Amino acid sequence: MAYLLLISGVIFKVIQSYLMKQFFFSSLACLLSLLVFSQDKYFTISGKVIDAKSQQPLVNASVFCQNTTIGTVSNADGNFFLRVSNGGYDLIISYTGYETKVIRISNSMNDKDSMKIELKEQDKAMTEVVVAGSAEVADGWTKYGRFFTDNFIGTSPNADECTIENKDALHFYFYKKRNKLKVKAAQELIVLNNALGYKIKYQLDSFVYDYNSRISSYTGYPLFEEMTGTTEQQNKWKKNRYLSYIGSRLHFMRCWYDSTLRNEGFDIELLDESGKTSVALQNPYDSKYYSVDSGDVEINIKGKIRINYSNRVPERRYLEQNNYPLTARVQISAIDILDGFTIEQNGYFYEQSEITNIGYWAWKKLAELVPYDYNPE
């Protein structure tokens, strides 16, 4: 009996050893597969921020991917590290008293882990000349504050729930001869979007409104931060973010990249120079217009195209403000393309400065913006 028990014990240990090995190797395989998946989904970017003249490290320099929730600051040695989802981004590097640097990055670029970023000091003499000969309006916010927020944040229902926390940072300049208004910010603007649950730190380069052409334009670098709130608030923000995303330019670019435009409710029309005559683009993936290069999508179209989105009706306020029929069922936008563009898998595209929004997308301003790392799922 003792002999049988001994044999049974040996067999049990052999089986146990076998099962442990199987568990180890299966766990290792799972871990490796997760690592591979993670590597496929994300990439890292790191480097060092230094003074261009002295070559000394700049401590606490701001480093972030524009229009995302991804950012950091450089450490005591000037080093920084970021982990981001695959796709393309504008990497913004700024430091007080220095010129801001913008670098386009993506998961396909080389030397992502060894960037050396040199920042130049701002020309103080030029700044003093601009201030001395400026056309700054003393009571600028009183005169132009509402006008600025309408054209920068927007006039949508979501815009009603946005506030600029530090409006005193804004400086307003009016140039009579050119009939233009220019707005600059002495520091980054803090915008609270209580409709979408984002705190936006916006480095406003400049805002310009031409009263002759009635066209506004602005350049700057937003960094998003998700707000904390109650369960009820979180549910509201989740719903509103999704409603802002669907039909947006970001949604459109992602769908064109994924070849899912029609499935998602988008149709494209080619417009003539006048913008009045259109022809439906039957196949937006035709090699004449659409090609894939190293994972990026190249769009070879110049001029204006109209984008119709049929899965959600336009905001009533948009229709009222533009005297459109309240029975309209389709969101109609257009973009003016200077010389084609490239789309990355997260919906980022370049060159963004060469594309102008028209129609519904032009109406949806900062209050409707969701970051590039927003995931509707």
Protein backbone atom coordinates (compact mmCIF):
# COMPACT_ATOMS: atom_id res chain seq x y z
CA MET A 1 0.00 0.00 0.00
CA ALA A 2 2.85 2.38 0.90
CA TYR A 3 4.53 1.46 -2.40
CA LEU A 4 1.37 2.37 -4.35
CA LEU A 5 1.11 5.66 -2.50
CA LEU A 6 4.77 6.43 -3.34
CA ILE A 7 4.15 5.70 -7.04
CA SER A 8 1.00 7.84 -6.97
CA GLY A 9 2.95 10.69 -5.37
CA VAL A 10 5.64 10.51 -8.05
CA ILE A 11 3.03 10.48 -10.84
CA PHE A 12 1.25 13.46 -9.24
CA LYS A 13 4.52 15.44 -9.08
CA VAL A 14 5.28 14.63 -12.73
CA ILE A 15 1.79 15.74 -13.79
CA GLN A 16 2.06 18.83 -11.60
CA SER A 17 5.44 19.70 -13.09
CA TYR A 18 4.05 19.23 -16.61
CA LEU A 19 1.03 21.43 -15.90
CA MET A 20 3.21 24.12 -14.34
CA LYS A 21 5.43 24.14 -17.44
CA GLN A 22 2.39 24.32 -19.70
CA PHE A 23 0.99 27.18 -17.62
CA PHE A 24 4.34 28.99 -17.72
CA PHE A 25 4.72 28.73 -21.47
CA SER A 26 1.09 29.63 -22.16
CA SER A 27 1.40 32.63 -19.83
CA LEU A 28 4.63 33.63 -21.52
CA ALA A 29 2.96 33.34 -24.93
CA CYS A 30 0.06 35.52 -23.73
CA LEU A 31 2.47 38.08 -22.31
CA LEU A 32 4.48 38.18 -25.54
CA SER A 33 1.31 38.55 -27.60
CA LEU A 34 0.19 41.43 -25.38
CA LEU A 35 3.57 43.08 -25.77
CA VAL A 36 3.43 42.71 -29.52
CA PHE A 37 -0.11 44.10 -29.57
CA SER A 38 0.97 46.99 -27.37
CA GLN A 39 3.93 47.71 -29.65
CA ASP A 40 1.63 47.63 -32.66
CA LYS A 41 -0.78 50.06 -31.06
CA TYR A 42 1.58 52.57 -29.46
CA PHE A 43 4.96 54.15 -29.99
CA THR A 44 7.28 56.15 -27.77
CA ILE A 45 8.99 59.45 -28.33
CA SER A 46 11.82 60.80 -26.20
CA GLY A 47 14.57 63.37 -26.40
CA LYS A 48 16.28 66.34 -24.81
CA VAL A 49 15.39 70.04 -24.84
CA ILE A 50 18.36 72.42 -24.77
CA ASP A 51 19.22 76.08 -25.25
CA ALA A 52 20.35 76.52 -28.87
CA LYS A 53 23.17 78.89 -27.90
CA SER A 54 24.56 77.50 -24.63
CA GLN A 55 23.59 73.86 -25.30
CA GLN A 56 22.46 73.66 -21.66
CA PRO A 57 19.32 71.66 -20.76
CA LEU A 58 16.03 73.51 -20.32
CA VAL A 59 14.19 72.29 -17.22
CA ASN A 60 10.37 72.10 -17.19
CA ALA A 61 10.01 72.82 -20.88
CA SER A 62 6.49 71.97 -22.04
CA VAL A 63 6.36 69.03 -24.47
CA PHE A 64 3.01 67.82 -25.78
CA CYS A 65 1.19 66.48 -28.81
CA GLN A 66 -1.09 69.21 -30.09
CA ASN A 67 -4.82 68.53 -29.86
CA THR A 68 -4.40 65.52 -27.56
CA THR A 69 -4.41 64.74 -23.84
CA ILE A 70 -0.73 63.68 -24.07
CA GLY A 71 1.91 65.96 -22.59
CA THR A 72 4.81 66.22 -20.15
CA VAL A 73 7.65 68.51 -19.06
CA SER A 74 11.40 68.03 -19.37
CA ASN A 75 13.29 66.89 -16.28
CA ALA A 76 16.40 68.35 -14.62
CA ASP A 77 18.54 67.08 -17.52
CA GLY A 78 16.17 68.42 -20.16
CA ASN A 79 14.97 64.92 -21.02
CA PHE A 80 11.36 63.97 -21.81
CA PHE A 81 9.43 60.80 -22.65
CA LEU A 82 5.97 60.27 -24.18
CA ARG A 83 3.94 57.16 -25.12
CA VAL A 84 1.29 57.77 -27.76
CA SER A 85 -1.14 55.83 -29.94
CA ASN A 86 -0.03 55.13 -33.48
CA GLY A 87 -0.69 57.86 -35.99
CA GLY A 88 0.57 61.37 -36.60
CA TYR A 89 0.89 64.42 -34.35
CA ASP A 90 2.38 67.89 -34.11
CA LEU A 91 4.84 67.77 -31.22
CA ILE A 92 4.93 71.17 -29.49
CA ILE A 93 7.96 72.23 -27.47
CA SER A 94 7.76 75.55 -25.65
CA TYR A 95 9.60 77.40 -22.91
CA THR A 96 9.04 80.88 -21.50
CA GLY A 97 11.16 83.45 -23.34
CA TYR A 98 11.95 81.05 -26.20
CA GLU A 99 10.50 80.47 -29.64
CA THR A 100 8.03 77.59 -29.77
CA LYS A 101 9.05 74.65 -31.93
CA VAL A 102 6.67 72.39 -33.85
CA ILE A 103 7.82 68.97 -35.10
CA ARG A 104 5.64 66.53 -37.02
CA ILE A 105 5.97 63.01 -35.60
CA SER A 106 4.44 59.61 -36.36
CA ASN A 107 4.99 55.94 -35.55
CA SER A 108 6.73 55.48 -38.94
CA MET A 109 9.45 58.10 -38.35
CA ASN A 110 13.05 57.22 -37.53
CA ASP A 111 15.00 58.31 -34.44
CA LYS A 112 11.90 58.68 -32.26
CA ASP A 113 13.92 57.94 -29.11
CA SER A 114 16.87 60.26 -29.60
CA MET A 115 15.52 63.70 -30.45
CA LYS A 116 17.68 66.72 -29.73
CA ILE A 117 15.53 69.83 -29.65
CA GLU A 118 17.22 73.22 -29.63
CA LEU A 119 15.13 76.24 -28.68
CA LYS A 120 16.14 79.80 -29.57
CA GLU A 121 15.53 82.76 -27.31
CA GLN A 122 12.90 85.21 -28.53
CA ASP A 123 14.15 88.47 -30.03
CA LYS A 124 13.34 90.91 -27.24
CA ALA A 125 14.19 93.94 -29.39
CA MET A 126 11.53 92.97 -31.95
CA THR A 127 8.99 92.41 -29.17
CA GLU A 128 9.66 95.91 -27.76
CA VAL A 129 9.21 97.48 -31.23
CA VAL A 130 5.87 95.68 -31.68
CA VAL A 131 4.63 96.83 -28.27
CA ALA A 132 5.80 100.42 -28.80
CA GLY A 133 4.08 100.77 -32.17
CA SER A 134 1.06 98.65 -31.38
CA ALA A 135 -2.56 99.49 -31.97
CA GLU A 136 -3.68 97.83 -28.75
CA VAL A 137 -7.19 98.62 -27.61
CA ALA A 138 -7.19 99.64 -23.93
CA ASP A 139 -10.58 98.14 -23.11
CA GLY A 140 -10.22 95.31 -25.61
CA TRP A 141 -12.24 92.68 -23.78
CA THR A 142 -15.18 95.04 -23.26
CA LYS A 143 -15.25 95.92 -26.96
CA TYR A 144 -14.28 92.64 -28.59
CA GLY A 145 -14.49 89.90 -25.94
CA ARG A 146 -17.85 88.50 -27.06
CA PHE A 147 -16.89 88.78 -30.73
CA PHE A 148 -13.65 86.89 -30.04
CA THR A 149 -15.31 84.06 -28.12
CA ASP A 150 -18.00 83.67 -30.81
CA ASN A 151 -15.32 83.23 -33.48
CA PHE A 152 -12.83 81.25 -31.38
CA ILE A 153 -14.97 79.05 -29.11
CA GLY A 154 -18.12 79.17 -31.25
CA THR A 155 -21.85 79.86 -30.98
CA SER A 156 -23.11 76.29 -30.67
CA PRO A 157 -25.05 75.05 -27.61
CA ASN A 158 -21.80 73.52 -26.30
CA ALA A 159 -20.14 76.94 -26.55
CA ASP A 160 -22.66 78.25 -24.01
CA GLU A 161 -21.00 75.96 -21.45
CA CYS A 162 -17.43 77.12 -22.14
CA THR A 163 -15.56 79.76 -20.16
CA ILE A 164 -12.13 81.36 -20.47
CA GLU A 165 -10.61 81.30 -17.00
CA ASN A 166 -7.89 83.91 -17.63
CA LYS A 167 -9.35 86.37 -20.13
CA ASP A 168 -6.96 89.04 -18.76
CA ALA A 169 -4.18 87.26 -20.69
CA LEU A 170 -5.75 88.44 -23.97
CA HIS A 171 -4.58 91.57 -25.80
CA PHE A 172 -6.64 93.13 -28.60
CA TYR A 173 -5.21 95.12 -31.51
CA PHE A 174 -7.26 96.92 -34.16
CA TYR A 175 -5.64 98.16 -37.38
CA LYS A 176 -7.82 100.81 -39.01
CA LYS A 177 -6.07 100.96 -42.38
CA ARG A 178 -6.37 97.23 -42.92
CA ASN A 179 -9.69 96.97 -41.07
CA LYS A 180 -8.43 93.96 -39.11
CA LEU A 181 -8.67 92.79 -35.53
CA LYS A 182 -5.78 90.81 -34.06
CA VAL A 183 -5.81 89.05 -30.69
CA LYS A 184 -2.77 87.65 -28.89
CA ALA A 185 -2.33 85.99 -25.50
CA ALA A 186 0.43 86.77 -23.02
CA GLN A 187 0.17 83.24 -21.62
CA GLU A 188 -1.68 80.04 -22.43
CA LEU A 189 -5.45 80.39 -22.28
CA ILE A 190 -7.36 78.13 -19.91
CA VAL A 191 -10.70 77.16 -21.43
CA LEU A 192 -13.15 75.02 -19.45
CA ASN A 193 -15.53 73.08 -21.67
CA ASN A 194 -18.25 71.95 -19.27
CA ALA A 195 -20.24 70.43 -22.13
CA LEU A 196 -17.54 67.91 -23.12
CA GLY A 197 -15.65 67.70 -19.83
CA TYR A 198 -12.32 69.07 -21.04
CA LYS A 199 -9.94 71.63 -19.59
CA ILE A 200 -8.08 73.04 -22.59
CA LYS A 201 -4.71 74.75 -22.26
CA TYR A 202 -4.46 76.73 -25.47
CA GLN A 203 -1.20 78.41 -26.53
CA LEU A 204 -2.76 81.03 -28.79
CA ASP A 205 -0.29 82.28 -31.35
CA SER A 206 -2.69 84.79 -32.88
CA PHE A 207 -6.31 85.31 -33.87
CA VAL A 208 -7.10 87.54 -36.87
CA TYR A 209 -10.45 88.76 -38.20
CA ASP A 210 -10.63 90.59 -41.53
CA TYR A 211 -13.72 92.82 -41.52
CA ASN A 212 -13.49 93.30 -45.30
CA SER A 213 -13.67 89.59 -46.18
CA ARG A 214 -15.44 88.57 -42.93
CA ILE A 215 -12.99 85.73 -42.53
CA SER A 216 -11.44 84.74 -39.20
CA SER A 217 -8.34 82.62 -38.75
CA TYR A 218 -6.30 81.61 -35.76
CA THR A 219 -3.25 79.51 -34.98
CA GLY A 220 -2.31 77.91 -31.71
CA TYR A 221 -1.60 74.71 -29.84
CA PRO A 222 -4.27 73.11 -27.62
CA LEU A 223 -3.57 70.49 -24.93
CA PHE A 224 -6.61 68.71 -23.48
CA GLU A 225 -7.13 67.46 -19.94
CA GLU A 226 -10.13 65.33 -19.00
CA MET A 227 -12.13 66.83 -16.14
CA THR A 228 -13.27 64.81 -13.15
CA GLY A 229 -16.90 64.78 -12.13
CA THR A 230 -19.83 62.80 -10.82
CA THR A 231 -21.14 59.70 -12.58
CA GLU A 232 -23.94 61.82 -14.01
CA GLN A 233 -21.44 64.35 -15.38
CA GLN A 234 -19.22 61.61 -16.82
CA ASN A 235 -22.20 60.10 -18.66
CA LYS A 236 -23.18 63.53 -20.00
CA TRP A 237 -19.62 64.20 -21.22
CA LYS A 238 -19.34 60.79 -22.85
CA LYS A 239 -22.55 61.35 -24.78
CA ASN A 240 -21.67 64.91 -25.81
CA ARG A 241 -18.16 63.92 -26.93
CA TYR A 242 -19.62 61.26 -29.17
CA LEU A 243 -22.19 63.65 -30.64
CA SER A 244 -19.44 66.21 -31.32
CA TYR A 245 -17.25 63.55 -32.91
CA ILE A 246 -19.69 61.94 -35.37
CA GLY A 247 -19.78 63.88 -38.61
CA SER A 248 -16.75 65.96 -37.59
CA ARG A 249 -13.66 66.51 -39.71
CA LEU A 250 -11.74 64.10 -37.48
CA HIS A 251 -14.40 61.41 -38.02
CA PHE A 252 -14.32 62.09 -41.78
CA MET A 253 -10.52 61.80 -42.01
CA ARG A 254 -10.50 58.53 -40.07
CA CYS A 255 -13.19 57.11 -42.34
CA TRP A 256 -11.34 58.10 -45.51
CA TYR A 257 -8.23 56.46 -44.09
CA ASP A 258 -10.15 53.26 -43.22
CA SER A 259 -12.18 53.24 -46.47
CA THR A 260 -15.46 53.39 -44.53
CA LEU A 261 -16.89 56.72 -45.72
CA ARG A 262 -20.20 55.48 -47.11
CA ASN A 263 -20.75 53.00 -44.29
CA GLU A 264 -20.37 55.85 -41.79
CA GLY A 265 -22.71 58.23 -43.63
CA PHE A 266 -20.30 60.41 -45.66
CA ASP A 267 -20.59 61.32 -49.36
CA ILE A 268 -18.18 63.52 -51.30
CA GLU A 269 -18.80 65.89 -54.22
CA LEU A 270 -16.18 67.63 -56.36
CA LEU A 271 -16.90 71.37 -56.76
CA ASP A 272 -15.88 73.68 -59.57
CA GLU A 273 -13.94 76.89 -58.88
CA SER A 274 -17.12 78.86 -58.25
CA GLY A 275 -18.29 76.30 -55.70
CA LYS A 276 -21.76 76.19 -57.27
CA THR A 277 -21.51 73.19 -59.62
CA SER A 278 -20.77 69.76 -58.16
CA VAL A 279 -20.16 66.21 -59.34
CA ALA A 280 -20.51 63.21 -57.03
CA LEU A 281 -17.22 61.42 -56.32
CA GLN A 282 -18.45 57.88 -56.96
CA ASN A 283 -15.29 56.14 -55.80
CA PRO A 284 -13.24 58.15 -53.26
CA TYR A 285 -10.72 55.26 -53.20
CA ASP A 286 -9.93 55.45 -56.91
CA SER A 287 -6.15 55.39 -57.44
CA LYS A 288 -6.53 58.74 -59.19
CA TYR A 289 -7.39 60.31 -55.82
CA TYR A 290 -6.37 57.79 -53.16
CA SER A 291 -3.13 55.86 -52.60
CA VAL A 292 -1.39 54.18 -49.68
CA ASP A 293 2.27 54.88 -48.92
CA SER A 294 3.98 53.23 -45.92
CA GLY A 295 0.67 52.98 -44.08
CA ASP A 296 -0.32 56.61 -44.73
CA VAL A 297 -3.08 57.59 -47.14
CA GLU A 298 -2.27 60.14 -49.84
CA ILE A 299 -5.22 62.21 -51.12
CA ASN A 300 -4.50 63.70 -54.53
CA ILE A 301 -7.24 66.32 -54.89
CA LYS A 302 -6.92 70.07 -55.39
CA GLY A 303 -9.68 72.63 -55.06
CA LYS A 304 -12.96 72.40 -53.19
CA ILE A 305 -14.89 69.30 -52.20
CA ARG A 306 -18.27 69.13 -50.48
CA ILE A 307 -18.84 66.60 -47.69
CA ASN A 308 -22.38 65.50 -46.89
CA TYR A 309 -23.01 63.69 -43.61
CA SER A 310 -26.43 62.05 -43.39
CA ASN A 311 -26.31 60.17 -40.07
CA ARG A 312 -27.16 63.22 -37.96
CA VAL A 313 -29.17 66.35 -38.65
CA PRO A 314 -27.53 69.79 -38.29
CA GLU A 315 -27.88 71.73 -35.05
CA ARG A 316 -31.01 73.87 -35.12
CA ARG A 317 -29.01 76.90 -34.00
CA TYR A 318 -26.70 76.55 -37.02
CA LEU A 319 -29.69 76.54 -39.36
CA GLU A 320 -31.26 79.55 -37.64
CA GLN A 321 -28.05 81.60 -37.63
CA ASN A 322 -27.51 80.98 -41.34
CA ASN A 323 -31.17 81.28 -42.42
CA TYR A 324 -31.29 77.70 -43.67
CA PRO A 325 -34.50 75.64 -43.73
CA LEU A 326 -35.15 74.03 -40.36
CA THR A 327 -36.15 70.86 -42.22
CA ALA A 328 -32.56 70.23 -43.41
CA ARG A 329 -31.57 66.62 -42.68
CA VAL A 330 -27.92 66.58 -43.80
CA GLN A 331 -24.82 68.27 -42.39
CA ILE A 332 -23.06 69.97 -45.31
CA SER A 333 -19.41 71.02 -45.05
CA ALA A 334 -16.69 71.77 -47.57
CA ILE A 335 -12.93 72.05 -47.58
CA ASP A 336 -10.69 74.03 -49.90
CA ILE A 337 -7.55 71.97 -50.61
CA LEU A 338 -4.41 73.75 -51.79
CA ASP A 339 -2.38 70.77 -52.98
CA GLY A 340 -3.62 67.41 -51.65
CA PHE A 341 -2.86 66.07 -48.18
CA THR A 342 -1.77 62.99 -46.22
CA ILE A 343 -3.89 61.19 -43.60
CA GLU A 344 -2.44 59.15 -40.73
CA GLN A 345 -4.37 56.36 -39.02
CA ASN A 346 -5.55 58.46 -36.04
CA GLY A 347 -7.16 61.02 -38.37
CA TYR A 348 -4.32 63.53 -38.19
CA PHE A 349 -3.51 65.01 -41.59
CA TYR A 350 -0.99 67.42 -43.08
CA GLU A 351 -0.42 70.10 -44.16
CA GLN A 352 -3.31 71.43 -42.07
CA SER A 353 -2.54 75.06 -42.87
CA GLU A 354 -3.29 74.34 -46.54
CA ILE A 355 -6.90 73.27 -45.92
CA THR A 356 -9.75 75.69 -45.18
CA ASN A 357 -13.04 74.64 -43.58
CA ILE A 358 -16.31 75.88 -45.05
CA GLY A 359 -19.91 75.36 -43.96
CA TYR A 360 -20.83 73.22 -40.98
CA TRP A 361 -17.25 72.40 -39.99
CA ALA A 362 -16.34 76.10 -40.04
CA TRP A 363 -19.22 76.71 -37.60
CA LYS A 364 -18.04 73.97 -35.22
CA LYS A 365 -15.15 75.62 -33.42
CA LEU A 366 -13.21 74.94 -30.21
CA ALA A 367 -16.35 74.08 -28.19
CA GLU A 368 -16.93 71.03 -30.44
CA LEU A 369 -13.35 69.80 -30.62
CA VAL A 370 -12.33 66.36 -29.34
CA PRO A 371 -8.64 65.36 -29.20
CA TYR A 372 -6.81 63.07 -31.62
CA ASP A 373 -6.57 60.37 -28.96
CA TYR A 374 -10.36 60.34 -28.50
CA ASN A 375 -11.78 56.84 -28.94
CA PRO A 376 -15.54 56.69 -29.65
CA GLU A 377 -15.65 53.08 -28.41
